[in-house]
Amino acid sequence: MKKIRITLLSLALLLFLGVFGYRFVKPTADVIASYGARVVCSCVFVGGRSDDSCAMDLEEGMEIARLEIDRKEKRVTATIPLISKRSAEFIEDGTGCLLD
């Protein structure tokens, strides 16, 4: 009985920490994904630079975001698995790259 009680308390604590931690991690992950998508979109579609050249523009810590460049749709999507996904699209009327 004592073992079941400890297991249930441990699971409740892990659930609480997971939900509590997610609330603090999610806003930061959204900022990282948004920043990465917009910077790479501007670099590739406005600046006309190569992917490798644009990778040097990213700040330290951006390694957690996976960046996908869609040249046909002129869109860059940054994903932090299970937490955040943001896209920036190149607008050709002189606006540049805008976050969705």
PDB file of N, CA and C in Angstrom:
ATOM      1  N   MET A   1       0.821  -1.193   0.000  1.00  0.00           N
ATOM      2  CA  MET A   1       0.000   0.000   0.000  1.00  0.00           C
ATOM      3  C   MET A   1       0.869   1.262   0.000  1.00  0.00           C
ATOM      4  N   LYS A   2       1.929   1.221   0.787  1.00  0.00           N
ATOM      5  CA  LYS A   2       2.817   2.375   0.883  1.00  0.00           C
ATOM      6  C   LYS A   2       3.511   2.626  -0.456  1.00  0.00           C
ATOM      7  N   LYS A   3       3.859   1.553  -1.153  1.00  0.00           N
ATOM      8  CA  LYS A   3       4.521   1.666  -2.452  1.00  0.00           C
ATOM      9  C   LYS A   3       3.593   2.322  -3.480  1.00  0.00           C
ATOM     10  N   ILE A   4       2.326   1.970  -3.477  1.00  0.00           N
ATOM     11  CA  ILE A   4       1.353   2.548  -4.400  1.00  0.00           C
ATOM     12  C   ILE A   4       1.175   4.036  -4.100  1.00  0.00           C
ATOM     13  N   ARG A   5       1.126   4.367  -2.834  1.00  0.00           N
ATOM     14  CA  ARG A   5       0.967   5.759  -2.427  1.00  0.00           C
ATOM     15  C   ARG A   5       2.156   6.607  -2.895  1.00  0.00           C
ATOM     16  N   ILE A   6       3.358   6.101  -2.729  1.00  0.00           N
ATOM     17  CA  ILE A   6       4.564   6.818  -3.163  1.00  0.00           C
ATOM     18  C   ILE A   6       4.574   6.963  -4.678  1.00  0.00           C
ATOM     19  N   THR A   7       4.186   5.913  -5.385  1.00  0.00           N
ATOM     20  CA  THR A   7       4.130   5.961  -6.842  1.00  0.00           C
ATOM     21  C   THR A   7       3.123   7.002  -7.315  1.00  0.00           C
ATOM     22  N   LEU A   8       1.938   7.019  -6.713  1.00  0.00           N
ATOM     23  CA  LEU A   8       0.917   7.999  -7.095  1.00  0.00           C
ATOM     24  C   LEU A   8       1.357   9.429  -6.789  1.00  0.00           C
ATOM     25  N   LEU A   9       1.973   9.629  -5.651  1.00  0.00           N
ATOM     26  CA  LEU A   9       2.482  10.958  -5.305  1.00  0.00           C
ATOM     27  C   LEU A   9       3.580  11.388  -6.264  1.00  0.00           C
ATOM     28  N   SER A  10       4.438  10.463  -6.632  1.00  0.00           N
ATOM     29  CA  SER A  10       5.509  10.772  -7.585  1.00  0.00           C
ATOM     30  C   SER A  10       4.935  11.154  -8.945  1.00  0.00           C
ATOM     31  N   LEU A  11       3.940  10.410  -9.414  1.00  0.00           N
ATOM     32  CA  LEU A  11       3.306  10.722 -10.689  1.00  0.00           C
ATOM     33  C   LEU A  11       2.596  12.079 -10.641  1.00  0.00           C
ATOM     34  N   ALA A  12       1.934  12.366  -9.539  1.00  0.00           N
ATOM     35  CA  ALA A  12       1.269  13.659  -9.401  1.00  0.00           C
ATOM     36  C   ALA A  12       2.288  14.795  -9.406  1.00  0.00           C
ATOM     37  N   LEU A  13       3.405  14.594  -8.741  1.00  0.00           N
ATOM     38  CA  LEU A  13       4.455  15.616  -8.711  1.00  0.00           C
ATOM     39  C   LEU A  13       5.043  15.825 -10.106  1.00  0.00           C
ATOM     40  N   LEU A  14       5.304  14.751 -10.822  1.00  0.00           N
ATOM     41  CA  LEU A  14       5.824  14.866 -12.187  1.00  0.00           C
ATOM     42  C   LEU A  14       4.827  15.581 -13.110  1.00  0.00           C
ATOM     43  N   LEU A  15       3.564  15.271 -12.975  1.00  0.00           N
ATOM     44  CA  LEU A  15       2.539  15.930 -13.777  1.00  0.00           C
ATOM     45  C   LEU A  15       2.495  17.427 -13.461  1.00  0.00           C
ATOM     46  N   PHE A  16       2.527  17.757 -12.180  1.00  0.00           N
ATOM     47  CA  PHE A  16       2.515  19.159 -11.762  1.00  0.00           C
ATOM     48  C   PHE A  16       3.732  19.895 -12.306  1.00  0.00           C
ATOM     49  N   LEU A  17       4.904  19.310 -12.172  1.00  0.00           N
ATOM     50  CA  LEU A  17       6.123  19.951 -12.666  1.00  0.00           C
ATOM     51  C   LEU A  17       6.110  20.079 -14.189  1.00  0.00           C
ATOM     52  N   GLY A  18       5.570  19.092 -14.880  1.00  0.00           N
ATOM     53  CA  GLY A  18       5.478  19.152 -16.329  1.00  0.00           C
ATOM     54  C   GLY A  18       4.584  20.283 -16.794  1.00  0.00           C
ATOM     55  N   VAL A  19       3.409  20.409 -16.196  1.00  0.00           N
ATOM     56  CA  VAL A  19       2.479  21.477 -16.567  1.00  0.00           C
ATOM     57  C   VAL A  19       3.048  22.833 -16.170  1.00  0.00           C
ATOM     58  N   PHE A  20       3.578  22.922 -14.976  1.00  0.00           N
ATOM     59  CA  PHE A  20       4.154  24.176 -14.477  1.00  0.00           C
ATOM     60  C   PHE A  20       5.350  24.590 -15.327  1.00  0.00           C
ATOM     61  N   GLY A  21       6.221  23.642 -15.656  1.00  0.00           N
ATOM     62  CA  GLY A  21       7.396  23.920 -16.466  1.00  0.00           C
ATOM     63  C   GLY A  21       7.028  24.326 -17.881  1.00  0.00           C
ATOM     64  N   TYR A  22       6.025  23.679 -18.457  1.00  0.00           N
ATOM     65  CA  TYR A  22       5.587  23.986 -19.824  1.00  0.00           C
ATOM     66  C   TYR A  22       5.108  25.430 -19.924  1.00  0.00           C
ATOM     67  N   ARG A  23       4.426  25.906 -18.901  1.00  0.00           N
ATOM     68  CA  ARG A  23       3.915  27.284 -18.908  1.00  0.00           C
ATOM     69  C   ARG A  23       5.040  28.308 -18.973  1.00  0.00           C
ATOM     70  N   PHE A  24       6.217  27.959 -18.454  1.00  0.00           N
ATOM     71  CA  PHE A  24       7.349  28.873 -18.487  1.00  0.00           C
ATOM     72  C   PHE A  24       8.217  28.673 -19.729  1.00  0.00           C
ATOM     73  N   VAL A  25       8.263  27.478 -20.243  1.00  0.00           N
ATOM     74  CA  VAL A  25       9.093  27.166 -21.409  1.00  0.00           C
ATOM     75  C   VAL A  25       8.416  27.601 -22.705  1.00  0.00           C
ATOM     76  N   LYS A  26       7.106  27.469 -22.806  1.00  0.00           N
ATOM     77  CA  LYS A  26       6.365  27.756 -24.037  1.00  0.00           C
ATOM     78  C   LYS A  26       6.588  29.178 -24.555  1.00  0.00           C
ATOM     79  N   PRO A  27       6.476  30.230 -23.746  1.00  0.00           N
ATOM     80  CA  PRO A  27       6.693  31.577 -24.288  1.00  0.00           C
ATOM     81  C   PRO A  27       8.105  31.780 -24.844  1.00  0.00           C
ATOM     82  N   THR A  28       9.091  31.242 -24.166  1.00  0.00           N
ATOM     83  CA  THR A  28      10.471  31.366 -24.645  1.00  0.00           C
ATOM     84  C   THR A  28      10.651  30.598 -25.951  1.00  0.00           C
ATOM     85  N   ALA A  29      10.063  29.423 -26.042  1.00  0.00           N
ATOM     86  CA  ALA A  29      10.156  28.627 -27.273  1.00  0.00           C
ATOM     87  C   ALA A  29       9.473  29.349 -28.436  1.00  0.00           C
ATOM     88  N   ASP A  30       8.355  30.015 -28.172  1.00  0.00           N
ATOM     89  CA  ASP A  30       7.673  30.777 -29.223  1.00  0.00           C
ATOM     90  C   ASP A  30       8.554  31.912 -29.741  1.00  0.00           C
ATOM     91  N   VAL A  31       9.247  32.587 -28.838  1.00  0.00           N
ATOM     92  CA  VAL A  31      10.139  33.684 -29.242  1.00  0.00           C
ATOM     93  C   VAL A  31      11.298  33.144 -30.079  1.00  0.00           C
ATOM     94  N   ILE A  32      11.898  32.054 -29.643  1.00  0.00           N
ATOM     95  CA  ILE A  32      13.022  31.457 -30.375  1.00  0.00           C
ATOM     96  C   ILE A  32      12.583  31.031 -31.774  1.00  0.00           C
ATOM     97  N   ALA A  33      11.441  30.357 -31.873  1.00  0.00           N
ATOM     98  CA  ALA A  33      10.956  29.895 -33.179  1.00  0.00           C
ATOM     99  C   ALA A  33      10.607  31.079 -34.081  1.00  0.00           C
ATOM    100  N   SER A  34       9.954  32.088 -33.534  1.00  0.00           N
ATOM    101  CA  SER A  34       9.589  33.268 -34.326  1.00  0.00           C
ATOM    102  C   SER A  34      10.826  33.998 -34.830  1.00  0.00           C
ATOM    103  N   TYR A  35      11.774  34.188 -33.953  1.00  0.00           N
ATOM    104  CA  TYR A  35      13.015  34.875 -34.313  1.00  0.00           C
ATOM    105  C   TYR A  35      13.752  34.114 -35.423  1.00  0.00           C
ATOM    106  N   GLY A  36      13.894  32.815 -35.250  1.00  0.00           N
ATOM    107  CA  GLY A  36      14.601  32.005 -36.238  1.00  0.00           C
ATOM    108  C   GLY A  36      13.931  32.049 -37.601  1.00  0.00           C
ATOM    109  N   ALA A  37      12.603  31.918 -37.625  1.00  0.00           N
ATOM    110  CA  ALA A  37      11.874  31.932 -38.895  1.00  0.00           C
ATOM    111  C   ALA A  37      12.025  33.276 -39.596  1.00  0.00           C
ATOM    112  N   ARG A  38      11.889  34.360 -38.859  1.00  0.00           N
ATOM    113  CA  ARG A  38      11.953  35.681 -39.478  1.00  0.00           C
ATOM    114  C   ARG A  38      13.357  36.042 -39.950  1.00  0.00           C
ATOM    115  N   VAL A  39      14.365  35.737 -39.149  1.00  0.00           N
ATOM    116  CA  VAL A  39      15.745  36.068 -39.522  1.00  0.00           C
ATOM    117  C   VAL A  39      16.175  35.285 -40.758  1.00  0.00           C
ATOM    118  N   VAL A  40      15.897  33.999 -40.786  1.00  0.00           N
ATOM    119  CA  VAL A  40      16.305  33.179 -41.930  1.00  0.00           C
ATOM    120  C   VAL A  40      15.496  33.548 -43.176  1.00  0.00           C
ATOM    121  N   CYS A  41      14.211  33.843 -43.008  1.00  0.00           N
ATOM    122  CA  CYS A  41      13.392  34.275 -44.148  1.00  0.00           C
ATOM    123  C   CYS A  41      13.977  35.544 -44.763  1.00  0.00           C
ATOM    124  N   SER A  42      14.293  36.521 -43.935  1.00  0.00           N
ATOM    125  CA  SER A  42      14.869  37.774 -44.438  1.00  0.00           C
ATOM    126  C   SER A  42      16.226  37.538 -45.085  1.00  0.00           C
ATOM    127  N   CYS A  43      17.018  36.700 -44.479  1.00  0.00           N
ATOM    128  CA  CYS A  43      18.360  36.425 -44.994  1.00  0.00           C
ATOM    129  C   CYS A  43      18.298  35.757 -46.369  1.00  0.00           C
ATOM    130  N   VAL A  44      17.433  34.762 -46.500  1.00  0.00           N
ATOM    131  CA  VAL A  44      17.365  33.987 -47.741  1.00  0.00           C
ATOM    132  C   VAL A  44      16.623  34.751 -48.847  1.00  0.00           C
ATOM    133  N   PHE A  45      15.434  35.283 -48.522  1.00  0.00           N
ATOM    134  CA  PHE A  45      14.585  35.836 -49.566  1.00  0.00           C
ATOM    135  C   PHE A  45      14.794  37.340 -49.802  1.00  0.00           C
ATOM    136  N   VAL A  46      15.180  38.081 -48.788  1.00  0.00           N
ATOM    137  CA  VAL A  46      15.453  39.506 -48.969  1.00  0.00           C
ATOM    138  C   VAL A  46      16.925  39.708 -49.325  1.00  0.00           C
ATOM    139  N   GLY A  47      17.802  39.060 -48.544  1.00  0.00           N
ATOM    140  CA  GLY A  47      19.235  39.217 -48.757  1.00  0.00           C
ATOM    141  C   GLY A  47      19.803  38.382 -49.882  1.00  0.00           C
ATOM    142  N   GLY A  48      19.082  37.329 -50.279  1.00  0.00           N
ATOM    143  CA  GLY A  48      19.545  36.469 -51.361  1.00  0.00           C
ATOM    144  C   GLY A  48      20.777  35.652 -51.016  1.00  0.00           C
ATOM    145  N   ARG A  49      20.971  35.383 -49.721  1.00  0.00           N
ATOM    146  CA  ARG A  49      22.145  34.632 -49.280  1.00  0.00           C
ATOM    147  C   ARG A  49      21.859  33.132 -49.237  1.00  0.00           C
ATOM    148  N   SER A  50      22.935  32.350 -49.156  1.00  0.00           N
ATOM    149  CA  SER A  50      22.804  30.889 -49.098  1.00  0.00           C
ATOM    150  C   SER A  50      22.367  30.457 -47.700  1.00  0.00           C
ATOM    151  N   ASP A  51      21.871  29.229 -47.613  1.00  0.00           N
ATOM    152  CA  ASP A  51      21.440  28.681 -46.326  1.00  0.00           C
ATOM    153  C   ASP A  51      22.588  28.661 -45.321  1.00  0.00           C
ATOM    154  N   ASP A  52      23.764  28.232 -45.772  1.00  0.00           N
ATOM    155  CA  ASP A  52      24.923  28.149 -44.879  1.00  0.00           C
ATOM    156  C   ASP A  52      25.333  29.526 -44.371  1.00  0.00           C
ATOM    157  N   SER A  53      25.265  30.523 -45.230  1.00  0.00           N
ATOM    158  CA  SER A  53      25.600  31.887 -44.826  1.00  0.00           C
ATOM    159  C   SER A  53      24.603  32.402 -43.797  1.00  0.00           C
ATOM    160  N   CYS A  54      23.345  32.091 -43.986  1.00  0.00           N
ATOM    161  CA  CYS A  54      22.300  32.550 -43.064  1.00  0.00           C
ATOM    162  C   CYS A  54      22.407  31.863 -41.703  1.00  0.00           C
ATOM    163  N   ALA A  55      22.880  30.642 -41.691  1.00  0.00           N
ATOM    164  CA  ALA A  55      23.026  29.917 -40.419  1.00  0.00           C
ATOM    165  C   ALA A  55      23.984  30.635 -39.480  1.00  0.00           C
ATOM    166  N   MET A  56      24.912  31.389 -40.030  1.00  0.00           N
ATOM    167  CA  MET A  56      25.870  32.120 -39.190  1.00  0.00           C
ATOM    168  C   MET A  56      25.222  33.323 -38.501  1.00  0.00           C
ATOM    169  N   ASP A  57      24.064  33.762 -38.972  1.00  0.00           N
ATOM    170  CA  ASP A  57      23.373  34.908 -38.383  1.00  0.00           C
ATOM    171  C   ASP A  57      22.588  34.555 -37.122  1.00  0.00           C
ATOM    172  N   LEU A  58      22.336  33.282 -36.898  1.00  0.00           N
ATOM    173  CA  LEU A  58      21.524  32.874 -35.761  1.00  0.00           C
ATOM    174  C   LEU A  58      22.295  32.990 -34.453  1.00  0.00           C
ATOM    175  N   GLU A  59      21.570  33.377 -33.425  1.00  0.00           N
ATOM    176  CA  GLU A  59      22.170  33.545 -32.101  1.00  0.00           C
ATOM    177  C   GLU A  59      22.459  32.192 -31.450  1.00  0.00           C
ATOM    178  N   GLU A  60      23.320  32.231 -30.455  1.00  0.00           N
ATOM    179  CA  GLU A  60      23.623  31.032 -29.675  1.00  0.00           C
ATOM    180  C   GLU A  60      22.343  30.554 -28.989  1.00  0.00           C
ATOM    181  N   GLY A  61      22.122  29.262 -29.000  1.00  0.00           N
ATOM    182  CA  GLY A  61      20.924  28.688 -28.404  1.00  0.00           C
ATOM    183  C   GLY A  61      19.845  28.365 -29.428  1.00  0.00           C
ATOM    184  N   MET A  62      20.032  28.809 -30.657  1.00  0.00           N
ATOM    185  CA  MET A  62      19.048  28.555 -31.709  1.00  0.00           C
ATOM    186  C   MET A  62      19.117  27.126 -32.242  1.00  0.00           C
ATOM    187  N   GLU A  63      20.084  26.367 -31.769  1.00  0.00           N
ATOM    188  CA  GLU A  63      20.260  24.996 -32.255  1.00  0.00           C
ATOM    189  C   GLU A  63      19.050  24.121 -31.952  1.00  0.00           C
ATOM    190  N   ILE A  64      18.249  24.521 -30.964  1.00  0.00           N
ATOM    191  CA  ILE A  64      17.096  23.693 -30.593  1.00  0.00           C
ATOM    192  C   ILE A  64      15.963  23.810 -31.605  1.00  0.00           C
ATOM    193  N   ALA A  65      15.998  24.822 -32.449  1.00  0.00           N
ATOM    194  CA  ALA A  65      14.943  25.010 -33.455  1.00  0.00           C
ATOM    195  C   ALA A  65      15.358  24.368 -34.778  1.00  0.00           C
ATOM    196  N   ARG A  66      14.449  23.618 -35.360  1.00  0.00           N
ATOM    197  CA  ARG A  66      14.670  23.033 -36.680  1.00  0.00           C
ATOM    198  C   ARG A  66      14.064  23.979 -37.710  1.00  0.00           C
ATOM    199  N   LEU A  67      14.853  24.395 -38.672  1.00  0.00           N
ATOM    200  CA  LEU A  67      14.407  25.358 -39.672  1.00  0.00           C
ATOM    201  C   LEU A  67      14.202  24.677 -41.015  1.00  0.00           C
ATOM    202  N   GLU A  68      13.072  24.943 -41.644  1.00  0.00           N
ATOM    203  CA  GLU A  68      12.758  24.405 -42.966  1.00  0.00           C
ATOM    204  C   GLU A  68      12.511  25.570 -43.910  1.00  0.00           C
ATOM    205  N   ILE A  69      13.209  25.582 -45.032  1.00  0.00           N
ATOM    206  CA  ILE A  69      13.057  26.642 -46.028  1.00  0.00           C
ATOM    207  C   ILE A  69      12.295  26.082 -47.220  1.00  0.00           C
ATOM    208  N   ASP A  70      11.153  26.679 -47.506  1.00  0.00           N
ATOM    209  CA  ASP A  70      10.337  26.294 -48.653  1.00  0.00           C
ATOM    210  C   ASP A  70      10.502  27.384 -49.717  1.00  0.00           C
ATOM    211  N   ARG A  71      11.368  27.140 -50.669  1.00  0.00           N
ATOM    212  CA  ARG A  71      11.671  28.145 -51.692  1.00  0.00           C
ATOM    213  C   ARG A  71      10.495  28.370 -52.654  1.00  0.00           C
ATOM    214  N   LYS A  72       9.697  27.349 -52.873  1.00  0.00           N
ATOM    215  CA  LYS A  72       8.548  27.492 -53.773  1.00  0.00           C
ATOM    216  C   LYS A  72       7.501  28.431 -53.172  1.00  0.00           C
ATOM    217  N   GLU A  73       7.190  28.254 -51.905  1.00  0.00           N
ATOM    218  CA  GLU A  73       6.198  29.084 -51.217  1.00  0.00           C
ATOM    219  C   GLU A  73       6.806  30.336 -50.597  1.00  0.00           C
ATOM    220  N   LYS A  74       8.140  30.439 -50.653  1.00  0.00           N
ATOM    221  CA  LYS A  74       8.884  31.543 -50.041  1.00  0.00           C
ATOM    222  C   LYS A  74       8.499  31.701 -48.567  1.00  0.00           C
ATOM    223  N   ARG A  75       8.709  30.606 -47.841  1.00  0.00           N
ATOM    224  CA  ARG A  75       8.322  30.529 -46.430  1.00  0.00           C
ATOM    225  C   ARG A  75       9.394  29.776 -45.649  1.00  0.00           C
ATOM    226  N   VAL A  76       9.637  30.227 -44.435  1.00  0.00           N
ATOM    227  CA  VAL A  76      10.554  29.534 -43.530  1.00  0.00           C
ATOM    228  C   VAL A  76       9.761  29.155 -42.288  1.00  0.00           C
ATOM    229  N   THR A  77       9.872  27.901 -41.877  1.00  0.00           N
ATOM    230  CA  THR A  77       9.185  27.414 -40.685  1.00  0.00           C
ATOM    231  C   THR A  77      10.220  26.948 -39.678  1.00  0.00           C
ATOM    232  N   ALA A  78      10.088  27.437 -38.451  1.00  0.00           N
ATOM    233  CA  ALA A  78      10.969  27.025 -37.350  1.00  0.00           C
ATOM    234  C   ALA A  78      10.140  26.207 -36.371  1.00  0.00           C
ATOM    235  N   THR A  79      10.664  25.049 -36.008  1.00  0.00           N
ATOM    236  CA  THR A  79       9.950  24.143 -35.114  1.00  0.00           C
ATOM    237  C   THR A  79      10.828  23.763 -33.931  1.00  0.00           C
ATOM    238  N   ILE A  80      10.257  23.845 -32.745  1.00  0.00           N
ATOM    239  CA  ILE A  80      10.869  23.278 -31.548  1.00  0.00           C
ATOM    240  C   ILE A  80       9.949  22.124 -31.176  1.00  0.00           C
ATOM    241  N   PRO A  81      10.415  20.891 -31.365  1.00  0.00           N
ATOM    242  CA  PRO A  81       9.546  19.726 -31.239  1.00  0.00           C
ATOM    243  C   PRO A  81       8.707  19.714 -29.963  1.00  0.00           C
ATOM    244  N   LEU A  82       7.410  19.451 -30.148  1.00  0.00           N
ATOM    245  CA  LEU A  82       6.407  19.316 -29.092  1.00  0.00           C
ATOM    246  C   LEU A  82       6.087  20.621 -28.367  1.00  0.00           C
ATOM    247  N   ILE A  83       6.716  21.729 -28.743  1.00  0.00           N
ATOM    248  CA  ILE A  83       6.480  22.964 -27.994  1.00  0.00           C
ATOM    249  C   ILE A  83       5.989  24.099 -28.883  1.00  0.00           C
ATOM    250  N   SER A  84       6.685  24.381 -29.977  1.00  0.00           N
ATOM    251  CA  SER A  84       6.361  25.568 -30.761  1.00  0.00           C
ATOM    252  C   SER A  84       6.656  25.366 -32.246  1.00  0.00           C
ATOM    253  N   LYS A  85       5.862  26.043 -33.070  1.00  0.00           N
ATOM    254  CA  LYS A  85       6.080  26.038 -34.518  1.00  0.00           C
ATOM    255  C   LYS A  85       5.633  27.399 -35.043  1.00  0.00           C
ATOM    256  N   ARG A  86       6.539  28.113 -35.700  1.00  0.00           N
ATOM    257  CA  ARG A  86       6.251  29.441 -36.237  1.00  0.00           C
ATOM    258  C   ARG A  86       6.773  29.538 -37.662  1.00  0.00           C
ATOM    259  N   SER A  87       6.071  30.315 -38.494  1.00  0.00           N
ATOM    260  CA  SER A  87       6.466  30.490 -39.888  1.00  0.00           C
ATOM    261  C   SER A  87       6.563  31.972 -40.231  1.00  0.00           C
ATOM    262  N   ALA A  88       7.448  32.272 -41.173  1.00  0.00           N
ATOM    263  CA  ALA A  88       7.554  33.609 -41.734  1.00  0.00           C
ATOM    264  C   ALA A  88       7.473  33.469 -43.242  1.00  0.00           C
ATOM    265  N   GLU A  89       6.702  34.359 -43.863  1.00  0.00           N
ATOM    266  CA  GLU A  89       6.495  34.305 -45.308  1.00  0.00           C
ATOM    267  C   GLU A  89       7.022  35.584 -45.943  1.00  0.00           C
ATOM    268  N   PHE A  90       7.700  35.430 -47.087  1.00  0.00           N
ATOM    269  CA  PHE A  90       8.211  36.575 -47.830  1.00  0.00           C
ATOM    270  C   PHE A  90       7.088  37.186 -48.655  1.00  0.00           C
ATOM    271  N   ILE A  91       6.852  38.480 -48.461  1.00  0.00           N
ATOM    272  CA  ILE A  91       5.844  39.226 -49.205  1.00  0.00           C
ATOM    273  C   ILE A  91       6.578  40.089 -50.230  1.00  0.00           C
ATOM    274  N   GLU A  92       6.288  39.902 -51.498  1.00  0.00           N
ATOM    275  CA  GLU A  92       7.071  40.520 -52.558  1.00  0.00           C
ATOM    276  C   GLU A  92       6.737  41.972 -52.858  1.00  0.00           C
ATOM    277  N   ASP A  93       5.780  42.565 -52.189  1.00  0.00           N
ATOM    278  CA  ASP A  93       5.423  43.953 -52.490  1.00  0.00           C
ATOM    279  C   ASP A  93       6.327  44.976 -51.794  1.00  0.00           C
ATOM    280  N   GLY A  94       7.459  44.511 -51.317  1.00  0.00           N
ATOM    281  CA  GLY A  94       8.393  45.380 -50.612  1.00  0.00           C
ATOM    282  C   GLY A  94       8.269  45.305 -49.101  1.00  0.00           C
ATOM    283  N   THR A  95       7.315  44.520 -48.623  1.00  0.00           N
ATOM    284  CA  THR A  95       7.102  44.387 -47.186  1.00  0.00           C
ATOM    285  C   THR A  95       8.217  43.588 -46.529  1.00  0.00           C
ATOM    286  N   GLY A  96       8.693  42.551 -47.184  1.00  0.00           N
ATOM    287  CA  GLY A  96       9.713  41.675 -46.609  1.00  0.00           C
ATOM    288  C   GLY A  96       9.093  40.430 -46.029  1.00  0.00           C
ATOM    289  N   CYS A  97       9.628  39.961 -44.918  1.00  0.00           N
ATOM    290  CA  CYS A  97       9.137  38.730 -44.294  1.00  0.00           C
ATOM    291  C   CYS A  97       8.239  39.056 -43.099  1.00  0.00           C
ATOM    292  N   LEU A  98       7.094  38.423 -43.072  1.00  0.00           N
ATOM    293  CA  LEU A  98       6.126  38.611 -41.987  1.00  0.00           C
ATOM    294  C   LEU A  98       5.849  37.287 -41.310  1.00  0.00           C
ATOM    295  N   LEU A  99       5.739  37.318 -39.998  1.00  0.00           N
ATOM    296  CA  LEU A  99       5.380  36.121 -39.237  1.00  0.00           C
ATOM    297  C   LEU A  99       3.898  35.822 -39.411  1.00  0.00           C
ATOM    298  N   ASP A 100       3.587  34.549 -39.518  1.00  0.00           N
ATOM    299  CA  ASP A 100       2.177  34.134 -39.596  1.00  0.00           C
ATOM    300  C   ASP A 100       1.567  34.147 -38.215  1.00  0.00           C
TER     301      ASP A 100
END
